[in-house]
Amino acid sequence: MAQSNTLTSQALINLEQEYAAHNYHPLPVVFAKAQGVHVWDPEGNKYMDFLSAYSAVNQGHCHPKIVKALCDQAKTLTLNSRAFYNDIFGRYAKYVTESDARVSSPKSTD
C-alpha cells in the first residue's frame, strides 16, 4: 500500500470516497503528520488544528509524555477485553471515584 506522503491530498480523498463508508462528509483537508497544535497535509502545507479531534487531543498531537506512555503500555499489554480483569483498571476506577469529579463533570446533568 502506498504511503500517504507519496499521494496528493486529492488522490487520498478520492481513495476514501471510492472505497470507504460514507457515514459522514469530512472537510477536504488531509492530515499526513502532526506535532503539537500543528498539522501538515501531504503537500507540506501547515495548519493549526482548532478541532483537536473533538477534544481528544487537547494536549496537542504527539505529546512526548503521552507517546512514551502509549509505547510503554503497548509493549506490556496492548489491549485487554473487559471480559477479563487487568492490573490497572481497578486502581484507575478507585482514583477517578475518589477524585473531585465535579471539576470535570458536565454541568446541569440532573
PDB file of N, CA and C in Angstrom:
ATOM      1  N   MET A   1       0.839  -1.183   0.000  1.00  0.00           N
ATOM      2  CA  MET A   1       0.000   0.000   0.000  1.00  0.00           C
ATOM      3  C   MET A   1       0.883   1.244   0.000  1.00  0.00           C
ATOM      4  N   ALA A   2       0.524   2.242  -0.759  1.00  0.00           N
ATOM      5  CA  ALA A   2       1.312   3.464  -0.868  1.00  0.00           C
ATOM      6  C   ALA A   2       1.236   4.269   0.418  1.00  0.00           C
ATOM      7  N   GLN A   3       2.332   4.884   0.786  1.00  0.00           N
ATOM      8  CA  GLN A   3       2.354   5.765   1.941  1.00  0.00           C
ATOM      9  C   GLN A   3       1.666   7.072   1.579  1.00  0.00           C
ATOM     10  N   SER A   4       1.059   7.743   2.562  1.00  0.00           N
ATOM     11  CA  SER A   4       0.315   8.965   2.285  1.00  0.00           C
ATOM     12  C   SER A   4       1.203  10.061   1.716  1.00  0.00           C
ATOM     13  N   ASN A   5       2.493  10.077   2.053  1.00  0.00           N
ATOM     14  CA  ASN A   5       3.358  11.144   1.562  1.00  0.00           C
ATOM     15  C   ASN A   5       3.718  10.978   0.087  1.00  0.00           C
ATOM     16  N   THR A   6       3.305   9.877  -0.560  1.00  0.00           N
ATOM     17  CA  THR A   6       3.562   9.706  -1.985  1.00  0.00           C
ATOM     18  C   THR A   6       2.336  10.050  -2.819  1.00  0.00           C
ATOM     19  N   LEU A   7       1.209  10.318  -2.187  1.00  0.00           N
ATOM     20  CA  LEU A   7      -0.018  10.670  -2.888  1.00  0.00           C
ATOM     21  C   LEU A   7      -0.422  12.091  -2.538  1.00  0.00           C
ATOM     22  N   THR A   8      -1.108  12.762  -3.458  1.00  0.00           N
ATOM     23  CA  THR A   8      -1.596  14.109  -3.182  1.00  0.00           C
ATOM     24  C   THR A   8      -2.809  14.038  -2.271  1.00  0.00           C
ATOM     25  N   SER A   9      -3.152  15.173  -1.704  1.00  0.00           N
ATOM     26  CA  SER A   9      -4.351  15.237  -0.867  1.00  0.00           C
ATOM     27  C   SER A   9      -5.575  14.790  -1.656  1.00  0.00           C
ATOM     28  N   GLN A  10      -5.714  15.270  -2.883  1.00  0.00           N
ATOM     29  CA  GLN A  10      -6.886  14.915  -3.682  1.00  0.00           C
ATOM     30  C   GLN A  10      -6.929  13.421  -3.981  1.00  0.00           C
ATOM     31  N   ALA A  11      -5.781  12.821  -4.262  1.00  0.00           N
ATOM     32  CA  ALA A  11      -5.746  11.377  -4.520  1.00  0.00           C
ATOM     33  C   ALA A  11      -6.174  10.598  -3.282  1.00  0.00           C
ATOM     34  N   LEU A  12      -5.752  11.043  -2.108  1.00  0.00           N
ATOM     35  CA  LEU A  12      -6.143  10.379  -0.866  1.00  0.00           C
ATOM     36  C   LEU A  12      -7.635  10.547  -0.592  1.00  0.00           C
ATOM     37  N   ILE A  13      -8.160  11.739  -0.852  1.00  0.00           N
ATOM     38  CA  ILE A  13      -9.601  11.971  -0.692  1.00  0.00           C
ATOM     39  C   ILE A  13     -10.377  11.068  -1.649  1.00  0.00           C
ATOM     40  N   ASN A  14      -9.912  10.980  -2.896  1.00  0.00           N
ATOM     41  CA  ASN A  14     -10.582  10.130  -3.888  1.00  0.00           C
ATOM     42  C   ASN A  14     -10.600   8.667  -3.449  1.00  0.00           C
ATOM     43  N   LEU A  15      -9.496   8.179  -2.882  1.00  0.00           N
ATOM     44  CA  LEU A  15      -9.444   6.799  -2.396  1.00  0.00           C
ATOM     45  C   LEU A  15     -10.499   6.552  -1.326  1.00  0.00           C
ATOM     46  N   GLU A  16     -10.589   7.476  -0.367  1.00  0.00           N
ATOM     47  CA  GLU A  16     -11.594   7.309   0.694  1.00  0.00           C
ATOM     48  C   GLU A  16     -13.001   7.361   0.131  1.00  0.00           C
ATOM     49  N   GLN A  17     -13.239   8.294  -0.796  1.00  0.00           N
ATOM     50  CA  GLN A  17     -14.586   8.410  -1.358  1.00  0.00           C
ATOM     51  C   GLN A  17     -14.976   7.161  -2.145  1.00  0.00           C
ATOM     52  N   GLU A  18     -14.005   6.514  -2.786  1.00  0.00           N
ATOM     53  CA  GLU A  18     -14.311   5.329  -3.578  1.00  0.00           C
ATOM     54  C   GLU A  18     -14.431   4.063  -2.736  1.00  0.00           C
ATOM     55  N   TYR A  19     -13.595   3.913  -1.704  1.00  0.00           N
ATOM     56  CA  TYR A  19     -13.500   2.629  -1.008  1.00  0.00           C
ATOM     57  C   TYR A  19     -14.000   2.620   0.436  1.00  0.00           C
ATOM     58  N   ALA A  20     -14.203   3.760   1.051  1.00  0.00           N
ATOM     59  CA  ALA A  20     -14.592   3.791   2.466  1.00  0.00           C
ATOM     60  C   ALA A  20     -16.093   4.052   2.613  1.00  0.00           C
ATOM     61  N   ALA A  21     -16.601   3.759   3.797  1.00  0.00           N
ATOM     62  CA  ALA A  21     -18.013   4.014   4.095  1.00  0.00           C
ATOM     63  C   ALA A  21     -18.284   5.512   4.061  1.00  0.00           C
ATOM     64  N   HIS A  22     -19.444   5.877   3.592  1.00  0.00           N
ATOM     65  CA  HIS A  22     -19.829   7.288   3.510  1.00  0.00           C
ATOM     66  C   HIS A  22     -20.735   7.635   4.688  1.00  0.00           C
ATOM     67  N   ASN A  23     -20.230   7.440   5.893  1.00  0.00           N
ATOM     68  CA  ASN A  23     -21.037   7.688   7.086  1.00  0.00           C
ATOM     69  C   ASN A  23     -21.016   9.150   7.528  1.00  0.00           C
ATOM     70  N   TYR A  24     -20.138   9.952   6.971  1.00  0.00           N
ATOM     71  CA  TYR A  24     -20.153  11.398   7.181  1.00  0.00           C
ATOM     72  C   TYR A  24     -19.295  12.029   6.094  1.00  0.00           C
ATOM     73  N   HIS A  25     -19.358  13.352   5.991  1.00  0.00           N
ATOM     74  CA  HIS A  25     -18.614  14.040   4.934  1.00  0.00           C
ATOM     75  C   HIS A  25     -17.504  14.889   5.563  1.00  0.00           C
ATOM     76  N   PRO A  26     -16.259  14.408   5.539  1.00  0.00           N
ATOM     77  CA  PRO A  26     -15.170  15.168   6.154  1.00  0.00           C
ATOM     78  C   PRO A  26     -14.815  16.423   5.367  1.00  0.00           C
ATOM     79  N   LEU A  27     -14.153  17.332   6.048  1.00  0.00           N
ATOM     80  CA  LEU A  27     -13.632  18.523   5.385  1.00  0.00           C
ATOM     81  C   LEU A  27     -12.562  18.099   4.380  1.00  0.00           C
ATOM     82  N   PRO A  28     -12.407  18.815   3.274  1.00  0.00           N
ATOM     83  CA  PRO A  28     -11.454  18.404   2.240  1.00  0.00           C
ATOM     84  C   PRO A  28     -10.005  18.787   2.562  1.00  0.00           C
ATOM     85  N   VAL A  29      -9.557  18.378   3.722  1.00  0.00           N
ATOM     86  CA  VAL A  29      -8.169  18.598   4.142  1.00  0.00           C
ATOM     87  C   VAL A  29      -7.627  17.251   4.599  1.00  0.00           C
ATOM     88  N   VAL A  30      -6.429  16.899   4.170  1.00  0.00           N
ATOM     89  CA  VAL A  30      -5.813  15.621   4.527  1.00  0.00           C
ATOM     90  C   VAL A  30      -4.666  15.894   5.488  1.00  0.00           C
ATOM     91  N   PHE A  31      -4.652  15.214   6.619  1.00  0.00           N
ATOM     92  CA  PHE A  31      -3.542  15.330   7.562  1.00  0.00           C
ATOM     93  C   PHE A  31      -2.582  14.176   7.336  1.00  0.00           C
ATOM     94  N   ALA A  32      -1.318  14.494   7.132  1.00  0.00           N
ATOM     95  CA  ALA A  32      -0.294  13.470   6.937  1.00  0.00           C
ATOM     96  C   ALA A  32       0.594  13.324   8.162  1.00  0.00           C
ATOM     97  N   LYS A  33       0.755  14.413   8.925  1.00  0.00           N
ATOM     98  CA  LYS A  33       1.530  14.356  10.165  1.00  0.00           C
ATOM     99  C   LYS A  33       1.079  15.491  11.062  1.00  0.00           C
ATOM    100  N   ALA A  34       1.456  15.399  12.333  1.00  0.00           N
ATOM    101  CA  ALA A  34       1.050  16.418  13.293  1.00  0.00           C
ATOM    102  C   ALA A  34       2.061  16.498  14.422  1.00  0.00           C
ATOM    103  N   GLN A  35       2.164  17.672  15.008  1.00  0.00           N
ATOM    104  CA  GLN A  35       3.015  17.884  16.176  1.00  0.00           C
ATOM    105  C   GLN A  35       2.460  19.075  16.934  1.00  0.00           C
ATOM    106  N   GLY A  36       2.126  18.863  18.201  1.00  0.00           N
ATOM    107  CA  GLY A  36       1.567  19.947  18.996  1.00  0.00           C
ATOM    108  C   GLY A  36       0.237  20.396  18.415  1.00  0.00           C
ATOM    109  N   VAL A  37       0.105  21.692  18.171  1.00  0.00           N
ATOM    110  CA  VAL A  37      -1.127  22.247  17.622  1.00  0.00           C
ATOM    111  C   VAL A  37      -1.132  22.225  16.093  1.00  0.00           C
ATOM    112  N   HIS A  38      -0.019  21.889  15.474  1.00  0.00           N
ATOM    113  CA  HIS A  38       0.096  21.958  14.017  1.00  0.00           C
ATOM    114  C   HIS A  38      -0.113  20.611  13.337  1.00  0.00           C
ATOM    115  N   VAL A  39      -0.702  20.673  12.140  1.00  0.00           N
ATOM    116  CA  VAL A  39      -0.858  19.510  11.268  1.00  0.00           C
ATOM    117  C   VAL A  39      -0.393  19.906   9.875  1.00  0.00           C
ATOM    118  N   TRP A  40       0.081  18.913   9.117  1.00  0.00           N
ATOM    119  CA  TRP A  40       0.566  19.150   7.760  1.00  0.00           C
ATOM    120  C   TRP A  40      -0.162  18.229   6.801  1.00  0.00           C
ATOM    121  N   ASP A  41      -0.428  18.734   5.601  1.00  0.00           N
ATOM    122  CA  ASP A  41      -1.001  17.884   4.565  1.00  0.00           C
ATOM    123  C   ASP A  41       0.127  17.249   3.750  1.00  0.00           C
ATOM    124  N   PRO A  42      -0.200  16.324   2.840  1.00  0.00           N
ATOM    125  CA  PRO A  42       0.848  15.647   2.069  1.00  0.00           C
ATOM    126  C   PRO A  42       1.702  16.588   1.221  1.00  0.00           C
ATOM    127  N   GLU A  43       1.159  17.764   0.885  1.00  0.00           N
ATOM    128  CA  GLU A  43       1.925  18.730   0.095  1.00  0.00           C
ATOM    129  C   GLU A  43       2.844  19.594   0.954  1.00  0.00           C
ATOM    130  N   GLY A  44       2.782  19.420   2.268  1.00  0.00           N
ATOM    131  CA  GLY A  44       3.639  20.182   3.171  1.00  0.00           C
ATOM    132  C   GLY A  44       3.022  21.458   3.706  1.00  0.00           C
ATOM    133  N   ASN A  45       1.754  21.744   3.383  1.00  0.00           N
ATOM    134  CA  ASN A  45       1.084  22.924   3.925  1.00  0.00           C
ATOM    135  C   ASN A  45       0.822  22.712   5.410  1.00  0.00           C
ATOM    136  N   LYS A  46       1.065  23.750   6.189  1.00  0.00           N
ATOM    137  CA  LYS A  46       0.954  23.679   7.648  1.00  0.00           C
ATOM    138  C   LYS A  46      -0.334  24.369   8.093  1.00  0.00           C
ATOM    139  N   TYR A  47      -1.069  23.726   8.989  1.00  0.00           N
ATOM    140  CA  TYR A  47      -2.317  24.263   9.529  1.00  0.00           C
ATOM    141  C   TYR A  47      -2.268  24.217  11.054  1.00  0.00           C
ATOM    142  N   MET A  48      -3.093  25.044  11.688  1.00  0.00           N
ATOM    143  CA  MET A  48      -3.320  24.920  13.126  1.00  0.00           C
ATOM    144  C   MET A  48      -4.585  24.091  13.308  1.00  0.00           C
ATOM    145  N   ASP A  49      -4.529  23.095  14.162  1.00  0.00           N
ATOM    146  CA  ASP A  49      -5.663  22.207  14.394  1.00  0.00           C
ATOM    147  C   ASP A  49      -6.543  22.790  15.495  1.00  0.00           C
ATOM    148  N   PHE A  50      -7.587  23.496  15.098  1.00  0.00           N
ATOM    149  CA  PHE A  50      -8.510  24.067  16.070  1.00  0.00           C
ATOM    150  C   PHE A  50      -9.623  23.090  16.446  1.00  0.00           C
ATOM    151  N   LEU A  51      -9.714  21.953  15.767  1.00  0.00           N
ATOM    152  CA  LEU A  51     -10.737  20.965  16.087  1.00  0.00           C
ATOM    153  C   LEU A  51     -10.259  19.991  17.157  1.00  0.00           C
ATOM    154  N   SER A  52      -8.972  19.715  17.205  1.00  0.00           N
ATOM    155  CA  SER A  52      -8.360  18.845  18.221  1.00  0.00           C
ATOM    156  C   SER A  52      -9.058  17.498  18.342  1.00  0.00           C
ATOM    157  N   ALA A  53      -9.468  16.924  17.217  1.00  0.00           N
ATOM    158  CA  ALA A  53     -10.155  15.629  17.215  1.00  0.00           C
ATOM    159  C   ALA A  53     -11.308  15.631  18.217  1.00  0.00           C
ATOM    160  N   TYR A  54     -12.109  16.686  18.162  1.00  0.00           N
ATOM    161  CA  TYR A  54     -13.252  16.839  19.069  1.00  0.00           C
ATOM    162  C   TYR A  54     -12.816  16.771  20.526  1.00  0.00           C
ATOM    163  N   SER A  55     -11.714  17.333  20.862  1.00  0.00           N
ATOM    164  CA  SER A  55     -11.121  17.477  22.193  1.00  0.00           C
ATOM    165  C   SER A  55     -10.268  16.295  22.612  1.00  0.00           C
ATOM    166  N   ALA A  56     -10.155  15.260  21.796  1.00  0.00           N
ATOM    167  CA  ALA A  56      -9.351  14.096  22.178  1.00  0.00           C
ATOM    168  C   ALA A  56      -7.860  14.402  22.203  1.00  0.00           C
ATOM    169  N   VAL A  57      -7.434  15.447  21.540  1.00  0.00           N
ATOM    170  CA  VAL A  57      -6.012  15.815  21.562  1.00  0.00           C
ATOM    171  C   VAL A  57      -5.833  17.266  22.030  1.00  0.00           C
ATOM    172  N   ASN A  58      -6.543  17.636  23.083  1.00  0.00           N
ATOM    173  CA  ASN A  58      -6.373  18.979  23.637  1.00  0.00           C
ATOM    174  C   ASN A  58      -4.957  19.220  24.128  1.00  0.00           C
ATOM    175  N   GLN A  59      -4.234  18.160  24.454  1.00  0.00           N
ATOM    176  CA  GLN A  59      -2.857  18.282  24.910  1.00  0.00           C
ATOM    177  C   GLN A  59      -1.902  18.469  23.744  1.00  0.00           C
ATOM    178  N   GLY A  60      -2.396  18.409  22.510  1.00  0.00           N
ATOM    179  CA  GLY A  60      -1.562  18.535  21.318  1.00  0.00           C
ATOM    180  C   GLY A  60      -1.264  17.175  20.720  1.00  0.00           C
ATOM    181  N   HIS A  61      -0.974  17.170  19.444  1.00  0.00           N
ATOM    182  CA  HIS A  61      -0.634  15.931  18.743  1.00  0.00           C
ATOM    183  C   HIS A  61       0.752  15.463  19.157  1.00  0.00           C
ATOM    184  N   CYS A  62       0.899  14.177  19.327  1.00  0.00           N
ATOM    185  CA  CYS A  62       2.201  13.531  19.579  1.00  0.00           C
ATOM    186  C   CYS A  62       2.907  14.089  20.813  1.00  0.00           C
ATOM    187  N   HIS A  63       2.150  14.371  21.870  1.00  0.00           N
ATOM    188  CA  HIS A  63       2.765  14.870  23.109  1.00  0.00           C
ATOM    189  C   HIS A  63       3.763  13.822  23.598  1.00  0.00           C
ATOM    190  N   PRO A  64       5.012  14.207  23.851  1.00  0.00           N
ATOM    191  CA  PRO A  64       6.049  13.221  24.180  1.00  0.00           C
ATOM    192  C   PRO A  64       5.725  12.329  25.379  1.00  0.00           C
ATOM    193  N   LYS A  65       5.128  12.874  26.433  1.00  0.00           N
ATOM    194  CA  LYS A  65       4.805  12.053  27.606  1.00  0.00           C
ATOM    195  C   LYS A  65       3.721  11.030  27.275  1.00  0.00           C
ATOM    196  N   ILE A  66       2.742  11.436  26.472  1.00  0.00           N
ATOM    197  CA  ILE A  66       1.658  10.528  26.110  1.00  0.00           C
ATOM    198  C   ILE A  66       2.155   9.462  25.144  1.00  0.00           C
ATOM    199  N   VAL A  67       2.985   9.852  24.178  1.00  0.00           N
ATOM    200  CA  VAL A  67       3.553   8.879  23.239  1.00  0.00           C
ATOM    201  C   VAL A  67       4.391   7.852  23.991  1.00  0.00           C
ATOM    202  N   LYS A  68       5.186   8.305  24.969  1.00  0.00           N
ATOM    203  CA  LYS A  68       6.011   7.376  25.745  1.00  0.00           C
ATOM    204  C   LYS A  68       5.124   6.407  26.534  1.00  0.00           C
ATOM    205  N   ALA A  69       4.100   6.939  27.203  1.00  0.00           N
ATOM    206  CA  ALA A  69       3.200   6.076  27.979  1.00  0.00           C
ATOM    207  C   ALA A  69       2.486   5.075  27.072  1.00  0.00           C
ATOM    208  N   LEU A  70       2.062   5.524  25.906  1.00  0.00           N
ATOM    209  CA  LEU A  70       1.388   4.641  24.964  1.00  0.00           C
ATOM    210  C   LEU A  70       2.317   3.527  24.495  1.00  0.00           C
ATOM    211  N   CYS A  71       3.543   3.878  24.129  1.00  0.00           N
ATOM    212  CA  CYS A  71       4.508   2.871  23.664  1.00  0.00           C
ATOM    213  C   CYS A  71       4.875   1.904  24.787  1.00  0.00           C
ATOM    214  N   ASP A  72       5.091   2.436  25.996  1.00  0.00           N
ATOM    215  CA  ASP A  72       5.414   1.563  27.131  1.00  0.00           C
ATOM    216  C   ASP A  72       4.284   0.574  27.392  1.00  0.00           C
ATOM    217  N   GLN A  73       3.044   1.063  27.379  1.00  0.00           N
ATOM    218  CA  GLN A  73       1.904   0.183  27.627  1.00  0.00           C
ATOM    219  C   GLN A  73       1.748  -0.840  26.509  1.00  0.00           C
ATOM    220  N   ALA A  74       1.930  -0.421  25.269  1.00  0.00           N
ATOM    221  CA  ALA A  74       1.781  -1.343  24.135  1.00  0.00           C
ATOM    222  C   ALA A  74       2.806  -2.469  24.193  1.00  0.00           C
ATOM    223  N   LYS A  75       3.964  -2.204  24.785  1.00  0.00           N
ATOM    224  CA  LYS A  75       4.985  -3.247  24.934  1.00  0.00           C
ATOM    225  C   LYS A  75       4.635  -4.219  26.064  1.00  0.00           C
ATOM    226  N   THR A  76       3.743  -3.798  26.964  1.00  0.00           N
ATOM    227  CA  THR A  76       3.368  -4.608  28.122  1.00  0.00           C
ATOM    228  C   THR A  76       2.077  -5.380  27.884  1.00  0.00           C
ATOM    229  N   LEU A  77       1.019  -4.670  27.533  1.00  0.00           N
ATOM    230  CA  LEU A  77      -0.293  -5.265  27.281  1.00  0.00           C
ATOM    231  C   LEU A  77      -1.032  -4.311  26.358  1.00  0.00           C
ATOM    232  N   THR A  78      -1.226  -4.711  25.118  1.00  0.00           N
ATOM    233  CA  THR A  78      -1.807  -3.813  24.124  1.00  0.00           C
ATOM    234  C   THR A  78      -3.285  -3.562  24.363  1.00  0.00           C
ATOM    235  N   LEU A  79      -4.051  -4.624  24.549  1.00  0.00           N
ATOM    236  CA  LEU A  79      -5.488  -4.483  24.728  1.00  0.00           C
ATOM    237  C   LEU A  79      -5.992  -5.596  25.626  1.00  0.00           C
ATOM    238  N   ASN A  80      -6.839  -5.228  26.564  1.00  0.00           N
ATOM    239  CA  ASN A  80      -7.419  -6.200  27.483  1.00  0.00           C
ATOM    240  C   ASN A  80      -8.931  -6.073  27.408  1.00  0.00           C
ATOM    241  N   SER A  81      -9.595  -7.122  26.961  1.00  0.00           N
ATOM    242  CA  SER A  81     -11.050  -7.135  26.915  1.00  0.00           C
ATOM    243  C   SER A  81     -11.600  -7.000  28.331  1.00  0.00           C
ATOM    244  N   ARG A  82     -12.766  -6.365  28.464  1.00  0.00           N
ATOM    245  CA  ARG A  82     -13.406  -6.264  29.775  1.00  0.00           C
ATOM    246  C   ARG A  82     -13.964  -7.614  30.216  1.00  0.00           C
ATOM    247  N   ALA A  83     -13.836  -8.643  29.380  1.00  0.00           N
ATOM    248  CA  ALA A  83     -14.211  -9.997  29.790  1.00  0.00           C
ATOM    249  C   ALA A  83     -13.220 -10.543  30.809  1.00  0.00           C
ATOM    250  N   PHE A  84     -12.079  -9.867  30.967  1.00  0.00           N
ATOM    251  CA  PHE A  84     -11.038 -10.256  31.924  1.00  0.00           C
ATOM    252  C   PHE A  84     -10.679  -9.052  32.789  1.00  0.00           C
ATOM    253  N   TYR A  85     -10.129  -9.308  33.945  1.00  0.00           N
ATOM    254  CA  TYR A  85      -9.581  -8.247  34.785  1.00  0.00           C
ATOM    255  C   TYR A  85      -8.170  -7.934  34.318  1.00  0.00           C
ATOM    256  N   ASN A  86      -7.696  -6.729  34.683  1.00  0.00           N
ATOM    257  CA  ASN A  86      -6.286  -6.414  34.458  1.00  0.00           C
ATOM    258  C   ASN A  86      -5.740  -5.708  35.686  1.00  0.00           C
ATOM    259  N   ASP A  87      -4.456  -5.466  35.701  1.00  0.00           N
ATOM    260  CA  ASP A  87      -3.796  -4.946  36.900  1.00  0.00           C
ATOM    261  C   ASP A  87      -3.869  -3.431  37.052  1.00  0.00           C
ATOM    262  N   ILE A  88      -4.532  -2.729  36.148  1.00  0.00           N
ATOM    263  CA  ILE A  88      -4.577  -1.266  36.196  1.00  0.00           C
ATOM    264  C   ILE A  88      -5.988  -0.728  36.425  1.00  0.00           C
ATOM    265  N   PHE A  89      -6.994  -1.322  35.800  1.00  0.00           N
ATOM    266  CA  PHE A  89      -8.322  -0.721  35.757  1.00  0.00           C
ATOM    267  C   PHE A  89      -8.927  -0.476  37.135  1.00  0.00           C
ATOM    268  N   GLY A  90      -8.823  -1.411  38.047  1.00  0.00           N
ATOM    269  CA  GLY A  90      -9.376  -1.222  39.389  1.00  0.00           C
ATOM    270  C   GLY A  90      -8.758  -0.032  40.102  1.00  0.00           C
ATOM    271  N   ARG A  91      -7.442   0.094  39.990  1.00  0.00           N
ATOM    272  CA  ARG A  91      -6.758   1.239  40.608  1.00  0.00           C
ATOM    273  C   ARG A  91      -7.202   2.552  39.965  1.00  0.00           C
ATOM    274  N   TYR A  92      -7.360   2.529  38.639  1.00  0.00           N
ATOM    275  CA  TYR A  92      -7.813   3.732  37.938  1.00  0.00           C
ATOM    276  C   TYR A  92      -9.238   4.095  38.362  1.00  0.00           C
ATOM    277  N   ALA A  93     -10.124   3.098  38.436  1.00  0.00           N
ATOM    278  CA  ALA A  93     -11.506   3.346  38.846  1.00  0.00           C
ATOM    279  C   ALA A  93     -11.561   3.941  40.253  1.00  0.00           C
ATOM    280  N   LYS A  94     -10.736   3.433  41.163  1.00  0.00           N
ATOM    281  CA  LYS A  94     -10.661   3.967  42.524  1.00  0.00           C
ATOM    282  C   LYS A  94     -10.196   5.414  42.506  1.00  0.00           C
ATOM    283  N   TYR A  95      -9.158   5.699  41.728  1.00  0.00           N
ATOM    284  CA  TYR A  95      -8.620   7.063  41.622  1.00  0.00           C
ATOM    285  C   TYR A  95      -9.694   8.028  41.112  1.00  0.00           C
ATOM    286  N   VAL A  96     -10.393   7.649  40.044  1.00  0.00           N
ATOM    287  CA  VAL A  96     -11.410   8.522  39.468  1.00  0.00           C
ATOM    288  C   VAL A  96     -12.566   8.707  40.435  1.00  0.00           C
ATOM    289  N   THR A  97     -12.995   7.632  41.100  1.00  0.00           N
ATOM    290  CA  THR A  97     -14.111   7.702  42.036  1.00  0.00           C
ATOM    291  C   THR A  97     -13.792   8.596  43.224  1.00  0.00           C
ATOM    292  N   GLU A  98     -12.577   8.528  43.713  1.00  0.00           N
ATOM    293  CA  GLU A  98     -12.208   9.300  44.898  1.00  0.00           C
ATOM    294  C   GLU A  98     -11.757  10.719  44.577  1.00  0.00           C
ATOM    295  N   SER A  99     -11.527  11.029  43.321  1.00  0.00           N
ATOM    296  CA  SER A  99     -11.130  12.395  42.963  1.00  0.00           C
ATOM    297  C   SER A  99     -12.368  13.277  42.928  1.00  0.00           C
ATOM    298  N   ASP A 100     -12.163  14.568  42.865  1.00  0.00           N
ATOM    299  CA  ASP A 100     -13.279  15.505  42.820  1.00  0.00           C
ATOM    300  C   ASP A 100     -13.832  15.539  41.402  1.00  0.00           C
ATOM    301  N   ALA A 101     -14.750  14.639  41.113  1.00  0.00           N
ATOM    302  CA  ALA A 101     -15.296  14.501  39.759  1.00  0.00           C
ATOM    303  C   ALA A 101     -16.089  15.724  39.323  1.00  0.00           C
ATOM    304  N   ARG A 102     -16.521  16.537  40.268  1.00  0.00           N
ATOM    305  CA  ARG A 102     -17.289  17.728  39.902  1.00  0.00           C
ATOM    306  C   ARG A 102     -16.476  18.683  39.053  1.00  0.00           C
ATOM    307  N   VAL A 103     -15.169  18.654  39.181  1.00  0.00           N
ATOM    308  CA  VAL A 103     -14.312  19.559  38.414  1.00  0.00           C
ATOM    309  C   VAL A 103     -14.433  19.288  36.923  1.00  0.00           C
ATOM    310  N   SER A 104     -14.521  18.021  36.532  1.00  0.00           N
ATOM    311  CA  SER A 104     -14.527  17.702  35.111  1.00  0.00           C
ATOM    312  C   SER A 104     -15.875  17.209  34.588  1.00  0.00           C
ATOM    313  N   SER A 105     -16.894  17.162  35.443  1.00  0.00           N
ATOM    314  CA  SER A 105     -18.201  16.670  35.006  1.00  0.00           C
ATOM    315  C   SER A 105     -18.965  17.758  34.270  1.00  0.00           C
ATOM    316  N   PRO A 106     -19.824  17.364  33.325  1.00  0.00           N
ATOM    317  CA  PRO A 106     -20.692  18.352  32.686  1.00  0.00           C
ATOM    318  C   PRO A 106     -21.644  18.942  33.719  1.00  0.00           C
ATOM    319  N   LYS A 107     -22.023  20.158  33.539  1.00  0.00           N
ATOM    320  CA  LYS A 107     -22.937  20.826  34.472  1.00  0.00           C
ATOM    321  C   LYS A 107     -24.385  20.553  34.076  1.00  0.00           C
ATOM    322  N   SER A 108     -25.290  20.683  35.003  1.00  0.00           N
ATOM    323  CA  SER A 108     -26.735  20.525  34.793  1.00  0.00           C
ATOM    324  C   SER A 108     -27.083  19.166  34.206  1.00  0.00           C
ATOM    325  N   THR A 109     -26.613  18.110  34.853  1.00  0.00           N
ATOM    326  CA  THR A 109     -26.909  16.764  34.356  1.00  0.00           C
ATOM    327  C   THR A 109     -28.041  16.099  35.124  1.00  0.00           C
ATOM    328  N   ASP A 110     -28.718  16.838  36.003  1.00  0.00           N
ATOM    329  CA  ASP A 110     -29.807  16.222  36.771  1.00  0.00           C
ATOM    330  C   ASP A 110     -31.128  16.299  36.059  1.00  0.00           C
TER     331      ASP A 110
END
